[in-house]
Amino acid sequence: MTTEPESWVDLYWLPLGAGGHSVRWNGRVFERVAARLQRRPRCDLYHSALEVRVPEGRFVIEQTPVPSGAGVERGVVASGAVGARRAGRLRIFRYEVRRWRDGVIPDVAEAVQSPQRLTEDPRVSQRVHDAVPHVPTAVWGRDELGAGEMWNSNSIISWLIARSGIDAEAVQCPAGGRAPGWRAGLVVARRQETLRAGAGPDRRAGRRGRLRPGLVRRLLGRLVRSS
């Protein structure tokens, strides 16, 4: 008899617009145009979500539109604007990031090749859980962070995976599909890790390990631009 591990991180791939005909239709139009511009075959589009088990309990991690009702009931820990930062003043133009204890993933029954177990390491699982309130909350559908791709729900999931030490490059979308925004999360996570590594004391600055003023200004400038 096998026992359930105490900690784990599972990834779910949900067809874009699962359960909603309007979103699915718009997604197909977007992919048709993108495929033509990039001169490639059309793909199925996917939205990703995580389920994490840690000592505190089981949590669903996902970016979603903001419905009515108190966010605390859904474990909301961050939010951002959709389309334009000014538009985010209206609820319909905002998204929320959930870390929902004992939560559910809507339309999980339609998930494809899921769940994918990413890790059973307790320390890594805890890092994923703890990082959720710190995800970048860039404008959805825009490339504010200069990642070369729009920021969306997949960006947040890939950012969490990469920042927690999981090999995000090894994660595969279902065959014949793609996850728009996934690469953006990886680019931003890699950039932040590089800045973090370079923010330590400059060994060439002497035994006292002081940072040179010029280096500090450059690092701060990069951090401001990436935030």
Protein backbone atom coordinates (compact mmCIF):
# COMPACT_ATOMS: atom_id res chain seq x y z
CA MET A 1 0.00 0.00 0.00
CA THR A 2 1.36 3.42 -0.99
CA THR A 3 0.97 6.47 1.20
CA GLU A 4 0.20 9.98 -0.03
CA PRO A 5 3.25 12.27 0.28
CA GLU A 6 2.93 15.06 2.81
CA SER A 7 3.96 17.77 0.31
CA TRP A 8 3.60 18.15 -3.43
CA VAL A 9 2.98 20.55 -6.31
CA ASP A 10 0.67 19.55 -9.16
CA LEU A 11 0.24 21.45 -12.44
CA TYR A 12 -3.05 21.49 -14.35
CA TRP A 13 -3.53 22.42 -18.01
CA LEU A 14 -7.02 23.69 -18.79
CA PRO A 15 -8.21 24.46 -22.33
CA LEU A 16 -8.54 28.23 -22.68
CA GLY A 17 -12.15 29.20 -22.09
CA ALA A 18 -13.17 25.87 -20.59
CA GLY A 19 -16.80 26.26 -19.63
CA GLY A 20 -17.12 29.63 -21.37
CA HIS A 21 -17.97 29.83 -25.07
CA SER A 22 -17.07 33.53 -25.45
CA VAL A 23 -13.54 33.19 -24.06
CA ARG A 24 -12.92 30.06 -26.08
CA TRP A 25 -14.10 31.71 -29.31
CA ASN A 26 -11.95 34.81 -28.69
CA GLY A 27 -9.00 32.58 -27.96
CA ARG A 28 -9.41 30.77 -31.25
CA VAL A 29 -9.53 34.07 -33.13
CA PHE A 30 -6.38 35.24 -31.34
CA GLU A 31 -4.54 32.01 -32.13
CA ARG A 32 -5.64 32.07 -35.76
CA VAL A 33 -4.19 35.56 -36.20
CA ALA A 34 -1.02 34.78 -34.22
CA ALA A 35 -0.38 31.59 -36.18
CA ARG A 36 -0.77 33.42 -39.49
CA LEU A 37 1.60 36.21 -38.44
CA GLN A 38 4.17 33.72 -37.15
CA ARG A 39 3.68 31.39 -40.13
CA ARG A 40 3.07 28.27 -38.07
CA PRO A 41 0.22 25.78 -37.58
CA ARG A 42 -2.55 26.72 -35.16
CA CYS A 43 -2.36 25.26 -31.64
CA ASP A 44 -4.78 24.58 -28.84
CA LEU A 45 -4.41 27.24 -26.13
CA TYR A 46 -4.09 26.39 -22.44
CA HIS A 47 -4.47 28.13 -19.09
CA SER A 48 -2.48 26.75 -16.14
CA ALA A 49 -3.12 26.40 -12.41
CA LEU A 50 -1.35 24.80 -9.46
CA GLU A 51 -2.44 22.67 -6.55
CA VAL A 52 0.00 22.67 -3.63
CA ARG A 53 0.10 20.54 -0.51
CA VAL A 54 2.10 21.84 2.48
CA PRO A 55 1.78 21.32 6.26
CA GLU A 56 -0.71 24.22 6.40
CA GLY A 57 -3.08 22.36 4.05
CA ARG A 58 -3.98 22.01 0.38
CA PHE A 59 -4.09 25.17 -1.73
CA VAL A 60 -5.22 26.05 -5.26
CA ILE A 61 -3.08 28.72 -6.93
CA GLU A 62 -4.55 30.45 -9.97
CA GLN A 63 -5.06 33.82 -11.64
CA THR A 64 -8.71 34.55 -12.45
CA PRO A 65 -11.08 37.44 -13.22
CA VAL A 66 -12.44 39.21 -10.12
CA PRO A 67 -15.98 38.05 -9.34
CA SER A 68 -18.27 39.71 -6.83
CA GLY A 69 -17.85 38.85 -3.17
CA ALA A 70 -15.07 39.14 -0.61
CA GLY A 71 -11.67 38.08 -1.90
CA VAL A 72 -10.66 36.63 1.46
CA GLU A 73 -13.13 33.81 0.85
CA ARG A 74 -11.11 32.77 -2.20
CA GLY A 75 -7.68 33.30 -0.66
CA VAL A 76 -6.86 36.35 -2.79
CA VAL A 77 -3.30 37.55 -2.09
CA ALA A 78 -2.62 39.85 -5.06
CA SER A 79 -4.40 41.62 -7.92
CA GLY A 80 -3.69 43.60 -11.06
CA ALA A 81 -5.21 45.43 -14.01
CA VAL A 82 -6.40 44.01 -17.32
CA GLY A 83 -5.52 45.77 -20.57
CA ALA A 84 -4.49 49.12 -19.04
CA ARG A 85 -3.53 50.19 -15.53
CA ARG A 86 -6.15 52.95 -15.42
CA ALA A 87 -8.88 50.52 -16.46
CA GLY A 88 -8.09 48.50 -13.34
CA ARG A 89 -10.17 50.92 -11.30
CA LEU A 90 -13.18 48.93 -12.50
CA ARG A 91 -13.71 45.40 -11.21
CA ILE A 92 -14.34 43.96 -14.67
CA PHE A 93 -10.86 45.11 -15.69
CA ARG A 94 -9.03 43.49 -12.79
CA TYR A 95 -7.64 40.05 -12.11
CA GLU A 96 -6.90 38.34 -8.82
CA VAL A 97 -4.26 35.84 -7.76
CA ARG A 98 -5.60 33.16 -5.44
CA ARG A 99 -3.91 30.97 -2.86
CA TRP A 100 -7.13 29.30 -1.88
CA ARG A 101 -7.07 26.82 0.98
CA ASP A 102 -9.18 23.75 0.14
CA GLY A 103 -10.15 25.61 -3.04
CA VAL A 104 -11.30 24.28 -6.38
CA ILE A 105 -10.16 24.76 -9.95
CA PRO A 106 -13.21 25.60 -12.09
CA ASP A 107 -13.75 23.12 -14.94
CA VAL A 108 -10.94 20.89 -13.66
CA ALA A 109 -12.78 17.98 -15.28
CA GLU A 110 -11.74 19.40 -18.67
CA ALA A 111 -8.02 19.48 -17.76
CA VAL A 112 -5.73 17.79 -20.29
CA GLN A 113 -2.82 15.51 -19.35
CA SER A 114 -3.27 16.63 -15.76
CA PRO A 115 -2.29 16.72 -13.02
CA GLN A 116 1.45 16.77 -13.65
CA ARG A 117 3.39 16.18 -10.43
CA LEU A 118 6.21 18.74 -10.37
CA THR A 119 7.74 17.93 -7.00
CA GLU A 120 7.21 16.14 -3.70
CA ASP A 121 10.03 18.01 -1.98
CA PRO A 122 8.60 19.68 1.17
CA ARG A 123 10.98 22.64 0.95
CA VAL A 124 10.21 23.33 -2.70
CA SER A 125 6.47 22.97 -2.12
CA GLN A 126 6.68 25.46 0.73
CA ARG A 127 8.60 27.92 -1.44
CA VAL A 128 5.86 27.78 -4.07
CA HIS A 129 3.22 28.42 -1.41
CA ASP A 130 5.15 31.28 0.21
CA ALA A 131 5.99 33.03 -3.09
CA VAL A 132 2.40 33.57 -4.24
CA PRO A 133 1.85 36.98 -2.53
CA HIS A 134 5.04 38.23 -4.20
CA VAL A 135 4.17 37.48 -7.84
CA PRO A 136 4.64 40.40 -10.27
CA THR A 137 1.26 42.01 -10.91
CA ALA A 138 1.91 43.50 -14.33
CA VAL A 139 -0.99 44.54 -16.55
CA TRP A 140 -2.65 41.47 -18.06
CA GLY A 141 -2.30 41.30 -21.85
CA ARG A 142 0.60 43.78 -21.99
CA ASP A 143 4.39 43.41 -21.98
CA GLU A 144 5.12 45.97 -19.27
CA LEU A 145 8.15 44.03 -18.02
CA GLY A 146 9.87 43.79 -21.41
CA ALA A 147 9.77 40.00 -21.43
CA GLY A 148 8.99 39.74 -25.14
CA GLU A 149 5.51 38.33 -24.50
CA MET A 150 2.31 39.51 -22.86
CA TRP A 151 1.81 38.92 -19.13
CA ASN A 152 -1.10 36.69 -18.12
CA SER A 153 -2.14 33.78 -15.91
CA ASN A 154 0.45 31.44 -17.42
CA SER A 155 3.18 33.98 -16.68
CA ILE A 156 2.32 33.92 -12.98
CA ILE A 157 2.38 30.11 -12.81
CA SER A 158 5.69 29.78 -14.67
CA TRP A 159 7.19 32.57 -12.52
CA LEU A 160 6.22 30.71 -9.35
CA ILE A 161 7.66 27.45 -10.64
CA ALA A 162 10.94 28.99 -11.72
CA ARG A 163 11.41 31.14 -8.60
CA SER A 164 10.80 28.12 -6.38
CA GLY A 165 13.62 26.09 -7.90
CA ILE A 166 11.59 23.75 -10.10
CA ASP A 167 12.95 23.17 -13.60
CA ALA A 168 10.31 25.13 -15.49
CA GLU A 169 12.06 24.52 -18.81
CA ALA A 170 11.24 20.82 -18.46
CA VAL A 171 7.49 21.46 -18.09
CA GLN A 172 5.67 20.51 -21.28
CA CYS A 173 2.34 21.80 -22.55
CA PRO A 174 -0.03 19.10 -23.84
CA ALA A 175 0.79 17.85 -27.33
CA GLY A 176 -0.39 20.23 -30.04
CA GLY A 177 -0.93 23.05 -27.59
CA ARG A 178 0.79 26.13 -26.25
CA ALA A 179 0.47 28.39 -23.22
CA PRO A 180 0.71 32.08 -24.18
CA GLY A 181 2.59 34.09 -21.56
CA TRP A 182 4.52 31.12 -20.14
CA ARG A 183 7.84 32.34 -21.50
CA ALA A 184 7.29 35.81 -19.99
CA GLY A 185 7.17 34.38 -16.48
CA LEU A 186 10.43 32.49 -17.04
CA VAL A 187 12.19 35.56 -18.45
CA VAL A 188 11.18 37.75 -15.50
CA ALA A 189 12.08 35.07 -12.94
CA ARG A 190 15.50 34.57 -14.53
CA ARG A 191 16.10 38.33 -14.60
CA GLN A 192 15.20 38.72 -10.94
CA GLU A 193 17.45 35.80 -9.97
CA THR A 194 20.34 37.39 -11.85
CA LEU A 195 19.79 40.70 -10.06
CA ARG A 196 19.60 38.92 -6.73
CA ALA A 197 22.85 37.09 -7.37
CA GLY A 198 24.56 40.32 -8.41
CA ALA A 199 23.31 42.23 -5.39
CA GLY A 200 25.78 40.58 -3.00
CA PRO A 201 28.93 42.34 -1.74
CA ASP A 202 31.46 43.08 -4.47
CA ARG A 203 34.51 41.01 -3.60
CA ARG A 204 36.75 43.38 -5.52
CA ALA A 205 35.67 46.30 -3.34
CA GLY A 206 37.97 45.21 -0.49
CA ARG A 207 37.78 43.03 2.55
CA ARG A 208 34.93 45.08 4.00
CA GLY A 209 32.75 43.89 1.09
CA ARG A 210 31.25 47.28 0.29
CA LEU A 211 29.14 47.80 -2.79
CA ARG A 212 30.41 50.43 -5.17
CA PRO A 213 27.99 53.41 -5.50
CA GLY A 214 27.85 53.07 -9.29
CA LEU A 215 26.89 49.41 -9.04
CA VAL A 216 24.18 50.19 -6.50
CA ARG A 217 22.64 52.83 -8.79
CA ARG A 218 22.63 50.43 -11.75
CA LEU A 219 21.04 47.62 -9.74
CA LEU A 220 18.38 49.91 -8.31
CA GLY A 221 17.58 51.21 -11.78
CA ARG A 222 17.11 47.67 -13.07
CA LEU A 223 14.92 46.72 -10.13
CA VAL A 224 12.67 49.75 -10.72
CA ARG A 225 12.30 48.93 -14.41
CA SER A 226 11.48 45.26 -13.69
CA SER A 227 8.91 46.00 -10.98
